[in-house]
Amino acid sequence: EKLVEEWHKCENEYAVLTTYIQKIEMVHEDGSVENVNGHHEVPHLCQSGWSYADQRLVRNAATGYSWMLETPKLTHLWGAGLSFSKCHAEINVPYDPNHNQVFDGEEFSRATRLWTAGYDMY
C-alpha cells in the first residue's frame, strides 16, 4: 500500500521506484523504520563506479540518503534490491536476452534500457 502511494506521488505513468532496502532489523512490526539520524531518511541510489575486479563494468555504489522528502526523488540508477513500477515496464523493457545469467553489472544496463524507453527512476 505504501509503495503504491509513493508511486502515485511521482505523477508519472513511467515511474520506477527503486533502491536497496534497509536492513530488516531496522523495520518494526508496525512497519515503521528505525530513525537513526534524528530524521526520517530513505536510501537513495545516486553513485556509481567501476567494478572491483576488472574495472570493466559500471556498477552501483553504496546508497546515499535523502530525508524529509515529500515526493520520490529522481535518480539515474536502477537497483535490483527493490524495483516497483507498473507491469508495462517489464513487458516493454525486458532484461537483455544477450545477458543470460549476468549478475554483476546488470543494474546499469537495466537503468539505461529503462531510461531510453522513457521510464524514470526514483
PDB file of N, CA and C in Angstrom:
ATOM      1  N   GLU A   1       0.820  -1.187   0.000  1.00  0.00           N
ATOM      2  CA  GLU A   1       0.000   0.000   0.000  1.00  0.00           C
ATOM      3  C   GLU A   1       0.874   1.265   0.000  1.00  0.00           C
ATOM      4  N   LYS A   2       1.922   1.264   0.828  1.00  0.00           N
ATOM      5  CA  LYS A   2       2.813   2.430   0.900  1.00  0.00           C
ATOM      6  C   LYS A   2       3.554   2.637  -0.422  1.00  0.00           C
ATOM      7  N   LEU A   3       3.994   1.549  -1.057  1.00  0.00           N
ATOM      8  CA  LEU A   3       4.678   1.675  -2.349  1.00  0.00           C
ATOM      9  C   LEU A   3       3.756   2.268  -3.412  1.00  0.00           C
ATOM     10  N   VAL A   4       2.520   1.828  -3.437  1.00  0.00           N
ATOM     11  CA  VAL A   4       1.557   2.366  -4.408  1.00  0.00           C
ATOM     12  C   VAL A   4       1.345   3.856  -4.151  1.00  0.00           C
ATOM     13  N   GLU A   5       1.227   4.233  -2.890  1.00  0.00           N
ATOM     14  CA  GLU A   5       1.059   5.646  -2.532  1.00  0.00           C
ATOM     15  C   GLU A   5       2.267   6.472  -2.998  1.00  0.00           C
ATOM     16  N   GLU A   6       3.471   5.971  -2.750  1.00  0.00           N
ATOM     17  CA  GLU A   6       4.679   6.692  -3.174  1.00  0.00           C
ATOM     18  C   GLU A   6       4.772   6.755  -4.699  1.00  0.00           C
ATOM     19  N   TRP A   7       4.392   5.671  -5.378  1.00  0.00           N
ATOM     20  CA  TRP A   7       4.426   5.654  -6.843  1.00  0.00           C
ATOM     21  C   TRP A   7       3.490   6.736  -7.399  1.00  0.00           C
ATOM     22  N   HIS A   8       2.291   6.861  -6.824  1.00  0.00           N
ATOM     23  CA  HIS A   8       1.333   7.883  -7.278  1.00  0.00           C
ATOM     24  C   HIS A   8       1.874   9.297  -7.073  1.00  0.00           C
ATOM     25  N   LYS A   9       2.684   9.509  -6.056  1.00  0.00           N
ATOM     26  CA  LYS A   9       3.265  10.833  -5.809  1.00  0.00           C
ATOM     27  C   LYS A   9       4.196  11.270  -6.942  1.00  0.00           C
ATOM     28  N   CYS A  10       4.708  10.325  -7.702  1.00  0.00           N
ATOM     29  CA  CYS A  10       5.585  10.664  -8.838  1.00  0.00           C
ATOM     30  C   CYS A  10       4.809  11.361  -9.952  1.00  0.00           C
ATOM     31  N   GLU A  11       3.507  11.096 -10.027  1.00  0.00           N
ATOM     32  CA  GLU A  11       2.662  11.637 -11.100  1.00  0.00           C
ATOM     33  C   GLU A  11       3.273  11.350 -12.470  1.00  0.00           C
ATOM     34  N   ASN A  12       3.680  10.105 -12.655  1.00  0.00           N
ATOM     35  CA  ASN A  12       4.394   9.693 -13.860  1.00  0.00           C
ATOM     36  C   ASN A  12       4.052   8.234 -14.150  1.00  0.00           C
ATOM     37  N   GLU A  13       3.337   7.996 -15.225  1.00  0.00           N
ATOM     38  CA  GLU A  13       2.958   6.641 -15.630  1.00  0.00           C
ATOM     39  C   GLU A  13       4.175   5.739 -15.799  1.00  0.00           C
ATOM     40  N   TYR A  14       5.315   6.333 -16.111  1.00  0.00           N
ATOM     41  CA  TYR A  14       6.539   5.576 -16.386  1.00  0.00           C
ATOM     42  C   TYR A  14       7.533   5.646 -15.230  1.00  0.00           C
ATOM     43  N   ALA A  15       7.034   5.860 -14.030  1.00  0.00           N
ATOM     44  CA  ALA A  15       7.893   5.912 -12.843  1.00  0.00           C
ATOM     45  C   ALA A  15       8.292   4.507 -12.412  1.00  0.00           C
ATOM     46  N   VAL A  16       9.545   4.374 -11.987  1.00  0.00           N
ATOM     47  CA  VAL A  16      10.057   3.138 -11.399  1.00  0.00           C
ATOM     48  C   VAL A  16      10.665   3.515 -10.051  1.00  0.00           C
ATOM     49  N   LEU A  17      10.054   3.047  -8.960  1.00  0.00           N
ATOM     50  CA  LEU A  17      10.639   3.258  -7.639  1.00  0.00           C
ATOM     51  C   LEU A  17      11.705   2.194  -7.440  1.00  0.00           C
ATOM     52  N   THR A  18      12.909   2.604  -7.097  1.00  0.00           N
ATOM     53  CA  THR A  18      13.996   1.642  -6.991  1.00  0.00           C
ATOM     54  C   THR A  18      15.004   2.071  -5.941  1.00  0.00           C
ATOM     55  N   THR A  19      15.520   1.112  -5.207  1.00  0.00           N
ATOM     56  CA  THR A  19      16.532   1.387  -4.187  1.00  0.00           C
ATOM     57  C   THR A  19      17.105   0.067  -3.699  1.00  0.00           C
ATOM     58  N   TYR A  20      17.991   0.158  -2.751  1.00  0.00           N
ATOM     59  CA  TYR A  20      18.401  -1.004  -1.966  1.00  0.00           C
ATOM     60  C   TYR A  20      17.691  -0.856  -0.631  1.00  0.00           C
ATOM     61  N   ILE A  21      17.061  -1.901  -0.186  1.00  0.00           N
ATOM     62  CA  ILE A  21      16.300  -1.806   1.054  1.00  0.00           C
ATOM     63  C   ILE A  21      17.236  -1.796   2.258  1.00  0.00           C
ATOM     64  N   GLN A  22      16.722  -1.236   3.353  1.00  0.00           N
ATOM     65  CA  GLN A  22      17.494  -1.187   4.584  1.00  0.00           C
ATOM     66  C   GLN A  22      17.506  -2.553   5.241  1.00  0.00           C
ATOM     67  N   LYS A  23      18.325  -2.691   6.249  1.00  0.00           N
ATOM     68  CA  LYS A  23      18.378  -3.946   6.999  1.00  0.00           C
ATOM     69  C   LYS A  23      17.002  -4.237   7.591  1.00  0.00           C
ATOM     70  N   ILE A  24      16.585  -5.469   7.519  1.00  0.00           N
ATOM     71  CA  ILE A  24      15.272  -5.858   8.028  1.00  0.00           C
ATOM     72  C   ILE A  24      15.169  -5.588   9.524  1.00  0.00           C
ATOM     73  N   GLU A  25      16.300  -5.625  10.223  1.00  0.00           N
ATOM     74  CA  GLU A  25      16.299  -5.374  11.660  1.00  0.00           C
ATOM     75  C   GLU A  25      15.851  -3.950  11.991  1.00  0.00           C
ATOM     76  N   MET A  26      15.911  -3.048  11.021  1.00  0.00           N
ATOM     77  CA  MET A  26      15.533  -1.651  11.255  1.00  0.00           C
ATOM     78  C   MET A  26      14.034  -1.413  11.081  1.00  0.00           C
ATOM     79  N   VAL A  27      13.306  -2.422  10.603  1.00  0.00           N
ATOM     80  CA  VAL A  27      11.864  -2.282  10.381  1.00  0.00           C
ATOM     81  C   VAL A  27      11.121  -2.893  11.566  1.00  0.00           C
ATOM     82  N   HIS A  28      10.259  -2.099  12.193  1.00  0.00           N
ATOM     83  CA  HIS A  28       9.486  -2.552  13.345  1.00  0.00           C
ATOM     84  C   HIS A  28       8.240  -3.301  12.884  1.00  0.00           C
ATOM     85  N   GLU A  29       7.607  -4.019  13.810  1.00  0.00           N
ATOM     86  CA  GLU A  29       6.423  -4.815  13.471  1.00  0.00           C
ATOM     87  C   GLU A  29       5.299  -3.980  12.872  1.00  0.00           C
ATOM     88  N   ASP A  30       5.182  -2.712  13.271  1.00  0.00           N
ATOM     89  CA  ASP A  30       4.112  -1.858  12.744  1.00  0.00           C
ATOM     90  C   ASP A  30       4.454  -1.265  11.377  1.00  0.00           C
ATOM     91  N   GLY A  31       5.625  -1.607  10.833  1.00  0.00           N
ATOM     92  CA  GLY A  31       6.031  -1.122   9.518  1.00  0.00           C
ATOM     93  C   GLY A  31       6.868   0.135   9.552  1.00  0.00           C
ATOM     94  N   SER A  32       6.974   0.768  10.718  1.00  0.00           N
ATOM     95  CA  SER A  32       7.808   1.967  10.818  1.00  0.00           C
ATOM     96  C   SER A  32       9.283   1.561  10.776  1.00  0.00           C
ATOM     97  N   VAL A  33      10.121   2.507  10.381  1.00  0.00           N
ATOM     98  CA  VAL A  33      11.552   2.239  10.247  1.00  0.00           C
ATOM     99  C   VAL A  33      12.305   2.996  11.325  1.00  0.00           C
ATOM    100  N   GLU A  34      13.288   2.333  11.918  1.00  0.00           N
ATOM    101  CA  GLU A  34      14.109   2.948  12.955  1.00  0.00           C
ATOM    102  C   GLU A  34      14.745   4.236  12.445  1.00  0.00           C
ATOM    103  N   ASN A  35      14.682   5.250  13.254  1.00  0.00           N
ATOM    104  CA  ASN A  35      15.209   6.562  12.905  1.00  0.00           C
ATOM    105  C   ASN A  35      16.580   6.703  13.557  1.00  0.00           C
ATOM    106  N   VAL A  36      17.648   6.554  12.768  1.00  0.00           N
ATOM    107  CA  VAL A  36      18.992   6.526  13.343  1.00  0.00           C
ATOM    108  C   VAL A  36      19.708   7.867  13.323  1.00  0.00           C
ATOM    109  N   ASN A  37      19.278   8.806  12.522  1.00  0.00           N
ATOM    110  CA  ASN A  37      19.974  10.090  12.421  1.00  0.00           C
ATOM    111  C   ASN A  37      19.111  11.283  12.821  1.00  0.00           C
ATOM    112  N   GLY A  38      18.041  11.046  13.552  1.00  0.00           N
ATOM    113  CA  GLY A  38      17.221  12.140  14.035  1.00  0.00           C
ATOM    114  C   GLY A  38      16.197  12.660  13.042  1.00  0.00           C
ATOM    115  N   HIS A  39      16.060  12.009  11.898  1.00  0.00           N
ATOM    116  CA  HIS A  39      15.052  12.409  10.919  1.00  0.00           C
ATOM    117  C   HIS A  39      14.728  11.214  10.025  1.00  0.00           C
ATOM    118  N   HIS A  40      13.556  11.255   9.404  1.00  0.00           N
ATOM    119  CA  HIS A  40      13.157  10.161   8.508  1.00  0.00           C
ATOM    120  C   HIS A  40      14.004  10.221   7.243  1.00  0.00           C
ATOM    121  N   GLU A  41      14.722   9.172   6.977  1.00  0.00           N
ATOM    122  CA  GLU A  41      15.556   9.145   5.771  1.00  0.00           C
ATOM    123  C   GLU A  41      15.346   7.840   5.019  1.00  0.00           C
ATOM    124  N   VAL A  42      15.604   7.884   3.734  1.00  0.00           N
ATOM    125  CA  VAL A  42      15.461   6.709   2.884  1.00  0.00           C
ATOM    126  C   VAL A  42      16.722   6.536   2.053  1.00  0.00           C
ATOM    127  N   PRO A  43      17.090   5.288   1.738  1.00  0.00           N
ATOM    128  CA  PRO A  43      18.247   5.071   0.862  1.00  0.00           C
ATOM    129  C   PRO A  43      17.966   5.647  -0.521  1.00  0.00           C
ATOM    130  N   HIS A  44      18.963   6.269  -1.117  1.00  0.00           N
ATOM    131  CA  HIS A  44      18.802   6.878  -2.439  1.00  0.00           C
ATOM    132  C   HIS A  44      19.986   6.486  -3.314  1.00  0.00           C
ATOM    133  N   LEU A  45      19.702   5.810  -4.429  1.00  0.00           N
ATOM    134  CA  LEU A  45      20.755   5.423  -5.369  1.00  0.00           C
ATOM    135  C   LEU A  45      21.245   6.659  -6.108  1.00  0.00           C
ATOM    136  N   CYS A  46      22.499   7.003  -5.924  1.00  0.00           N
ATOM    137  CA  CYS A  46      22.995   8.224  -6.562  1.00  0.00           C
ATOM    138  C   CYS A  46      24.466   8.133  -6.956  1.00  0.00           C
ATOM    139  N   GLN A  47      25.103   6.990  -6.731  1.00  0.00           N
ATOM    140  CA  GLN A  47      26.524   6.868  -7.022  1.00  0.00           C
ATOM    141  C   GLN A  47      26.797   5.588  -7.807  1.00  0.00           C
ATOM    142  N   SER A  48      27.694   5.689  -8.755  1.00  0.00           N
ATOM    143  CA  SER A  48      28.126   4.502  -9.495  1.00  0.00           C
ATOM    144  C   SER A  48      29.641   4.537  -9.609  1.00  0.00           C
ATOM    145  N   GLY A  49      30.205   3.423 -10.000  1.00  0.00           N
ATOM    146  CA  GLY A  49      31.656   3.337 -10.160  1.00  0.00           C
ATOM    147  C   GLY A  49      32.001   2.101 -10.962  1.00  0.00           C
ATOM    148  N   TRP A  50      33.274   1.835 -11.079  1.00  0.00           N
ATOM    149  CA  TRP A  50      33.736   0.666 -11.821  1.00  0.00           C
ATOM    150  C   TRP A  50      33.749  -0.553 -10.923  1.00  0.00           C
ATOM    151  N   SER A  51      33.531  -1.734 -11.509  1.00  0.00           N
ATOM    152  CA  SER A  51      33.552  -2.977 -10.748  1.00  0.00           C
ATOM    153  C   SER A  51      34.914  -3.155 -10.101  1.00  0.00           C
ATOM    154  N   TYR A  52      34.931  -3.880  -9.021  1.00  0.00           N
ATOM    155  CA  TYR A  52      36.160  -4.045  -8.251  1.00  0.00           C
ATOM    156  C   TYR A  52      37.195  -4.912  -8.959  1.00  0.00           C
ATOM    157  N   ALA A  53      36.751  -5.996  -9.547  1.00  0.00           N
ATOM    158  CA  ALA A  53      37.689  -6.988 -10.069  1.00  0.00           C
ATOM    159  C   ALA A  53      38.438  -6.530 -11.310  1.00  0.00           C
ATOM    160  N   ASP A  54      37.719  -6.193 -12.350  1.00  0.00           N
ATOM    161  CA  ASP A  54      38.404  -5.944 -13.621  1.00  0.00           C
ATOM    162  C   ASP A  54      38.239  -4.523 -14.148  1.00  0.00           C
ATOM    163  N   GLN A  55      37.495  -3.694 -13.447  1.00  0.00           N
ATOM    164  CA  GLN A  55      37.302  -2.293 -13.830  1.00  0.00           C
ATOM    165  C   GLN A  55      36.659  -2.139 -15.215  1.00  0.00           C
ATOM    166  N   ARG A  56      35.898  -3.135 -15.662  1.00  0.00           N
ATOM    167  CA  ARG A  56      35.263  -3.066 -16.982  1.00  0.00           C
ATOM    168  C   ARG A  56      33.764  -2.817 -16.917  1.00  0.00           C
ATOM    169  N   LEU A  57      33.170  -3.032 -15.776  1.00  0.00           N
ATOM    170  CA  LEU A  57      31.722  -2.884 -15.647  1.00  0.00           C
ATOM    171  C   LEU A  57      31.382  -1.702 -14.755  1.00  0.00           C
ATOM    172  N   VAL A  58      30.374  -0.948 -15.146  1.00  0.00           N
ATOM    173  CA  VAL A  58      29.853   0.095 -14.273  1.00  0.00           C
ATOM    174  C   VAL A  58      28.858  -0.566 -13.338  1.00  0.00           C
ATOM    175  N   ARG A  59      28.956  -0.250 -12.075  1.00  0.00           N
ATOM    176  CA  ARG A  59      28.028  -0.814 -11.102  1.00  0.00           C
ATOM    177  C   ARG A  59      27.634   0.244 -10.092  1.00  0.00           C
ATOM    178  N   ASN A  60      26.536   0.009  -9.416  1.00  0.00           N
ATOM    179  CA  ASN A  60      26.073   0.939  -8.393  1.00  0.00           C
ATOM    180  C   ASN A  60      27.007   0.886  -7.196  1.00  0.00           C
ATOM    181  N   ALA A  61      27.244   2.039  -6.611  1.00  0.00           N
ATOM    182  CA  ALA A  61      27.995   2.119  -5.362  1.00  0.00           C
ATOM    183  C   ALA A  61      26.981   2.103  -4.215  1.00  0.00           C
ATOM    184  N   ALA A  62      27.455   2.228  -3.018  1.00  0.00           N
ATOM    185  CA  ALA A  62      26.558   2.271  -1.866  1.00  0.00           C
ATOM    186  C   ALA A  62      25.583   3.437  -2.003  1.00  0.00           C
ATOM    187  N   THR A  63      24.442   3.289  -1.384  1.00  0.00           N
ATOM    188  CA  THR A  63      23.442   4.352  -1.458  1.00  0.00           C
ATOM    189  C   THR A  63      23.839   5.536  -0.592  1.00  0.00           C
ATOM    190  N   GLY A  64      23.360   6.694  -1.015  1.00  0.00           N
ATOM    191  CA  GLY A  64      23.370   7.853  -0.139  1.00  0.00           C
ATOM    192  C   GLY A  64      22.027   7.867   0.569  1.00  0.00           C
ATOM    193  N   TYR A  65      21.728   8.926   1.271  1.00  0.00           N
ATOM    194  CA  TYR A  65      20.437   9.012   1.946  1.00  0.00           C
ATOM    195  C   TYR A  65      19.792  10.353   1.654  1.00  0.00           C
ATOM    196  N   SER A  66      18.492  10.321   1.501  1.00  0.00           N
ATOM    197  CA  SER A  66      17.694  11.535   1.360  1.00  0.00           C
ATOM    198  C   SER A  66      16.740  11.572   2.537  1.00  0.00           C
ATOM    199  N   TRP A  67      16.383  12.762   2.962  1.00  0.00           N
ATOM    200  CA  TRP A  67      15.476  12.855   4.093  1.00  0.00           C
ATOM    201  C   TRP A  67      14.461  13.970   3.887  1.00  0.00           C
ATOM    202  N   MET A  68      13.372  13.836   4.632  1.00  0.00           N
ATOM    203  CA  MET A  68      12.284  14.812   4.625  1.00  0.00           C
ATOM    204  C   MET A  68      11.716  15.028   3.218  1.00  0.00           C
ATOM    205  N   LEU A  69      11.635  13.977   2.433  1.00  0.00           N
ATOM    206  CA  LEU A  69      11.103  14.087   1.074  1.00  0.00           C
ATOM    207  C   LEU A  69       9.574  14.077   1.093  1.00  0.00           C
ATOM    208  N   GLU A  70       8.982  14.956   0.318  1.00  0.00           N
ATOM    209  CA  GLU A  70       7.529  14.940   0.160  1.00  0.00           C
ATOM    210  C   GLU A  70       7.116  14.059  -1.010  1.00  0.00           C
ATOM    211  N   THR A  71       8.007  13.929  -1.991  1.00  0.00           N
ATOM    212  CA  THR A  71       7.771  13.070  -3.151  1.00  0.00           C
ATOM    213  C   THR A  71       9.058  12.305  -3.444  1.00  0.00           C
ATOM    214  N   PRO A  72       8.966  11.183  -4.143  1.00  0.00           N
ATOM    215  CA  PRO A  72      10.177  10.451  -4.510  1.00  0.00           C
ATOM    216  C   PRO A  72      11.133  11.320  -5.329  1.00  0.00           C
ATOM    217  N   LYS A  73      12.414  11.058  -5.182  1.00  0.00           N
ATOM    218  CA  LYS A  73      13.459  11.858  -5.826  1.00  0.00           C
ATOM    219  C   LYS A  73      14.003  11.123  -7.052  1.00  0.00           C
ATOM    220  N   LEU A  74      14.096  11.836  -8.173  1.00  0.00           N
ATOM    221  CA  LEU A  74      14.649  11.243  -9.396  1.00  0.00           C
ATOM    222  C   LEU A  74      16.085  10.784  -9.186  1.00  0.00           C
ATOM    223  N   THR A  75      16.447   9.716  -9.861  1.00  0.00           N
ATOM    224  CA  THR A  75      17.822   9.239  -9.861  1.00  0.00           C
ATOM    225  C   THR A  75      18.132   8.694 -11.245  1.00  0.00           C
ATOM    226  N   HIS A  76      19.378   8.446 -11.507  1.00  0.00           N
ATOM    227  CA  HIS A  76      19.777   7.918 -12.817  1.00  0.00           C
ATOM    228  C   HIS A  76      20.111   6.433 -12.742  1.00  0.00           C
ATOM    229  N   LEU A  77      19.926   5.820 -11.588  1.00  0.00           N
ATOM    230  CA  LEU A  77      20.307   4.423 -11.397  1.00  0.00           C
ATOM    231  C   LEU A  77      19.093   3.555 -11.091  1.00  0.00           C
ATOM    232  N   TRP A  78      19.237   2.278 -11.375  1.00  0.00           N
ATOM    233  CA  TRP A  78      18.218   1.281 -11.054  1.00  0.00           C
ATOM    234  C   TRP A  78      18.864   0.247 -10.146  1.00  0.00           C
ATOM    235  N   GLY A  79      18.174  -0.138  -9.088  1.00  0.00           N
ATOM    236  CA  GLY A  79      18.712  -1.136  -8.166  1.00  0.00           C
ATOM    237  C   GLY A  79      17.867  -2.392  -8.146  1.00  0.00           C
ATOM    238  N   ALA A  80      18.522  -3.523  -8.195  1.00  0.00           N
ATOM    239  CA  ALA A  80      17.812  -4.799  -8.189  1.00  0.00           C
ATOM    240  C   ALA A  80      17.230  -5.129  -6.817  1.00  0.00           C
ATOM    241  N   GLY A  81      17.665  -4.420  -5.781  1.00  0.00           N
ATOM    242  CA  GLY A  81      17.161  -4.685  -4.436  1.00  0.00           C
ATOM    243  C   GLY A  81      15.665  -4.467  -4.319  1.00  0.00           C
ATOM    244  N   LEU A  82      15.164  -3.401  -4.944  1.00  0.00           N
ATOM    245  CA  LEU A  82      13.742  -3.112  -4.972  1.00  0.00           C
ATOM    246  C   LEU A  82      13.454  -2.346  -6.249  1.00  0.00           C
ATOM    247  N   SER A  83      12.491  -2.821  -6.994  1.00  0.00           N
ATOM    248  CA  SER A  83      12.063  -2.148  -8.215  1.00  0.00           C
ATOM    249  C   SER A  83      10.551  -2.278  -8.302  1.00  0.00           C
ATOM    250  N   PHE A  84       9.852  -1.143  -8.259  1.00  0.00           N
ATOM    251  CA  PHE A  84       8.397  -1.147  -8.252  1.00  0.00           C
ATOM    252  C   PHE A  84       7.894  -0.214  -9.340  1.00  0.00           C
ATOM    253  N   SER A  85       7.120  -0.763 -10.256  1.00  0.00           N
ATOM    254  CA  SER A  85       6.576   0.023 -11.360  1.00  0.00           C
ATOM    255  C   SER A  85       5.318  -0.669 -11.863  1.00  0.00           C
ATOM    256  N   LYS A  86       4.671  -0.065 -12.820  1.00  0.00           N
ATOM    257  CA  LYS A  86       3.573  -0.761 -13.485  1.00  0.00           C
ATOM    258  C   LYS A  86       4.169  -1.898 -14.306  1.00  0.00           C
ATOM    259  N   CYS A  87       3.377  -2.930 -14.521  1.00  0.00           N
ATOM    260  CA  CYS A  87       3.897  -4.121 -15.199  1.00  0.00           C
ATOM    261  C   CYS A  87       4.318  -3.847 -16.634  1.00  0.00           C
ATOM    262  N   HIS A  88       3.864  -2.752 -17.235  1.00  0.00           N
ATOM    263  CA  HIS A  88       4.276  -2.499 -18.615  1.00  0.00           C
ATOM    264  C   HIS A  88       5.778  -2.242 -18.717  1.00  0.00           C
ATOM    265  N   ALA A  89       6.416  -1.860 -17.623  1.00  0.00           N
ATOM    266  CA  ALA A  89       7.875  -1.689 -17.661  1.00  0.00           C
ATOM    267  C   ALA A  89       8.554  -3.031 -17.944  1.00  0.00           C
ATOM    268  N   GLU A  90       8.063  -4.091 -17.328  1.00  0.00           N
ATOM    269  CA  GLU A  90       8.647  -5.422 -17.556  1.00  0.00           C
ATOM    270  C   GLU A  90       8.327  -5.934 -18.958  1.00  0.00           C
ATOM    271  N   ILE A  91       7.149  -5.591 -19.454  1.00  0.00           N
ATOM    272  CA  ILE A  91       6.750  -6.024 -20.797  1.00  0.00           C
ATOM    273  C   ILE A  91       7.503  -5.235 -21.867  1.00  0.00           C
ATOM    274  N   ASN A  92       7.568  -3.915 -21.700  1.00  0.00           N
ATOM    275  CA  ASN A  92       8.206  -3.053 -22.702  1.00  0.00           C
ATOM    276  C   ASN A  92       9.728  -3.098 -22.664  1.00  0.00           C
ATOM    277  N   VAL A  93      10.290  -3.355 -21.492  1.00  0.00           N
ATOM    278  CA  VAL A  93      11.751  -3.324 -21.337  1.00  0.00           C
ATOM    279  C   VAL A  93      12.196  -4.576 -20.577  1.00  0.00           C
ATOM    280  N   PRO A  94      12.150  -5.724 -21.226  1.00  0.00           N
ATOM    281  CA  PRO A  94      12.587  -6.945 -20.541  1.00  0.00           C
ATOM    282  C   PRO A  94      14.101  -6.926 -20.337  1.00  0.00           C
ATOM    283  N   TYR A  95      14.560  -7.814 -19.492  1.00  0.00           N
ATOM    284  CA  TYR A  95      16.009  -7.960 -19.339  1.00  0.00           C
ATOM    285  C   TYR A  95      16.626  -8.259 -20.698  1.00  0.00           C
ATOM    286  N   ASP A  96      17.819  -7.803 -20.908  1.00  0.00           N
ATOM    287  CA  ASP A  96      18.525  -8.016 -22.172  1.00  0.00           C
ATOM    288  C   ASP A  96      18.744  -9.516 -22.375  1.00  0.00           C
ATOM    289  N   PRO A  97      18.182 -10.100 -23.424  1.00  0.00           N
ATOM    290  CA  PRO A  97      18.325 -11.545 -23.644  1.00  0.00           C
ATOM    291  C   PRO A  97      19.764 -11.963 -23.936  1.00  0.00           C
ATOM    292  N   ASN A  98      20.608 -11.019 -24.278  1.00  0.00           N
ATOM    293  CA  ASN A  98      22.016 -11.335 -24.533  1.00  0.00           C
ATOM    294  C   ASN A  98      22.860 -11.333 -23.268  1.00  0.00           C
ATOM    295  N   HIS A  99      22.246 -11.014 -22.145  1.00  0.00           N
ATOM    296  CA  HIS A  99      22.951 -11.013 -20.864  1.00  0.00           C
ATOM    297  C   HIS A  99      22.485 -12.186 -20.015  1.00  0.00           C
ATOM    298  N   ASN A 100      22.454 -13.342 -20.584  1.00  0.00           N
ATOM    299  CA  ASN A 100      21.997 -14.535 -19.892  1.00  0.00           C
ATOM    300  C   ASN A 100      22.858 -14.799 -18.660  1.00  0.00           C
ATOM    301  N   GLN A 101      22.215 -14.918 -17.518  1.00  0.00           N
ATOM    302  CA  GLN A 101      22.844 -15.223 -16.239  1.00  0.00           C
ATOM    303  C   GLN A 101      23.840 -14.163 -15.776  1.00  0.00           C
ATOM    304  N   VAL A 102      23.700 -12.929 -16.240  1.00  0.00           N
ATOM    305  CA  VAL A 102      24.565 -11.851 -15.761  1.00  0.00           C
ATOM    306  C   VAL A 102      24.032 -11.374 -14.420  1.00  0.00           C
ATOM    307  N   PHE A 103      24.898 -11.275 -13.444  1.00  0.00           N
ATOM    308  CA  PHE A 103      24.502 -10.722 -12.152  1.00  0.00           C
ATOM    309  C   PHE A 103      25.239  -9.415 -11.890  1.00  0.00           C
ATOM    310  N   ASP A 104      26.533  -9.430 -11.953  1.00  0.00           N
ATOM    311  CA  ASP A 104      27.314  -8.230 -11.655  1.00  0.00           C
ATOM    312  C   ASP A 104      27.305  -7.298 -12.860  1.00  0.00           C
ATOM    313  N   GLY A 105      26.726  -6.131 -12.702  1.00  0.00           N
ATOM    314  CA  GLY A 105      26.696  -5.174 -13.788  1.00  0.00           C
ATOM    315  C   GLY A 105      25.367  -5.053 -14.501  1.00  0.00           C
ATOM    316  N   GLU A 106      24.384  -5.861 -14.132  1.00  0.00           N
ATOM    317  CA  GLU A 106      23.100  -5.794 -14.835  1.00  0.00           C
ATOM    318  C   GLU A 106      22.315  -4.538 -14.479  1.00  0.00           C
ATOM    319  N   GLU A 107      22.592  -3.939 -13.340  1.00  0.00           N
ATOM    320  CA  GLU A 107      21.796  -2.793 -12.904  1.00  0.00           C
ATOM    321  C   GLU A 107      22.004  -1.565 -13.788  1.00  0.00           C
ATOM    322  N   PHE A 108      23.229  -1.281 -14.166  1.00  0.00           N
ATOM    323  CA  PHE A 108      23.493  -0.121 -15.016  1.00  0.00           C
ATOM    324  C   PHE A 108      22.867  -0.332 -16.399  1.00  0.00           C
ATOM    325  N   SER A 109      22.970  -1.545 -16.911  1.00  0.00           N
ATOM    326  CA  SER A 109      22.361  -1.879 -18.195  1.00  0.00           C
ATOM    327  C   SER A 109      20.841  -1.716 -18.130  1.00  0.00           C
ATOM    328  N   ARG A 110      20.259  -2.188 -17.052  1.00  0.00           N
ATOM    329  CA  ARG A 110      18.797  -2.097 -16.889  1.00  0.00           C
ATOM    330  C   ARG A 110      18.354  -0.639 -16.798  1.00  0.00           C
ATOM    331  N   ALA A 111      19.075   0.178 -16.052  1.00  0.00           N
ATOM    332  CA  ALA A 111      18.743   1.604 -15.945  1.00  0.00           C
ATOM    333  C   ALA A 111      18.804   2.267 -17.309  1.00  0.00           C
ATOM    334  N   THR A 112      19.820   1.947 -18.075  1.00  0.00           N
ATOM    335  CA  THR A 112      19.978   2.531 -19.413  1.00  0.00           C
ATOM    336  C   THR A 112      18.821   2.126 -20.314  1.00  0.00           C
ATOM    337  N   ARG A 113      18.467   0.848 -20.282  1.00  0.00           N
ATOM    338  CA  ARG A 113      17.382   0.354 -21.120  1.00  0.00           C
ATOM    339  C   ARG A 113      16.035   0.971 -20.713  1.00  0.00           C
ATOM    340  N   LEU A 114      15.794   1.071 -19.410  1.00  0.00           N
ATOM    341  CA  LEU A 114      14.545   1.688 -18.947  1.00  0.00           C
ATOM    342  C   LEU A 114      14.479   3.160 -19.349  1.00  0.00           C
ATOM    343  N   TRP A 115      15.556   3.897 -19.112  1.00  0.00           N
ATOM    344  CA  TRP A 115      15.555   5.336 -19.383  1.00  0.00           C
ATOM    345  C   TRP A 115      15.386   5.623 -20.872  1.00  0.00           C
ATOM    346  N   THR A 116      16.066   4.865 -21.721  1.00  0.00           N
ATOM    347  CA  THR A 116      15.949   5.119 -23.161  1.00  0.00           C
ATOM    348  C   THR A 116      14.582   4.702 -23.706  1.00  0.00           C
ATOM    349  N   ALA A 117      13.826   3.927 -22.920  1.00  0.00           N
ATOM    350  CA  ALA A 117      12.460   3.567 -23.308  1.00  0.00           C
ATOM    351  C   ALA A 117      11.435   4.524 -22.689  1.00  0.00           C
ATOM    352  N   GLY A 118      11.906   5.566 -21.998  1.00  0.00           N
ATOM    353  CA  GLY A 118      11.002   6.573 -21.464  1.00  0.00           C
ATOM    354  C   GLY A 118      10.657   6.452 -19.996  1.00  0.00           C
ATOM    355  N   TYR A 119      11.257   5.523 -19.297  1.00  0.00           N
ATOM    356  CA  TYR A 119      10.982   5.347 -17.871  1.00  0.00           C
ATOM    357  C   TYR A 119      11.926   6.216 -17.043  1.00  0.00           C
ATOM    358  N   ASP A 120      11.434   6.652 -15.896  1.00  0.00           N
ATOM    359  CA  ASP A 120      12.229   7.454 -14.968  1.00  0.00           C
ATOM    360  C   ASP A 120      12.361   6.704 -13.654  1.00  0.00           C
ATOM    361  N   MET A 121      13.570   6.675 -13.122  1.00  0.00           N
ATOM    362  CA  MET A 121      13.814   6.011 -11.849  1.00  0.00           C
ATOM    363  C   MET A 121      13.756   7.033 -10.717  1.00  0.00           C
ATOM    364  N   TYR A 122      13.126   6.618  -9.628  1.00  0.00           N
ATOM    365  CA  TYR A 122      13.007   7.457  -8.429  1.00  0.00           C
ATOM    366  C   TYR A 122      13.516   6.670  -7.243  1.00  0.00           C
TER     367      TYR A 122
END
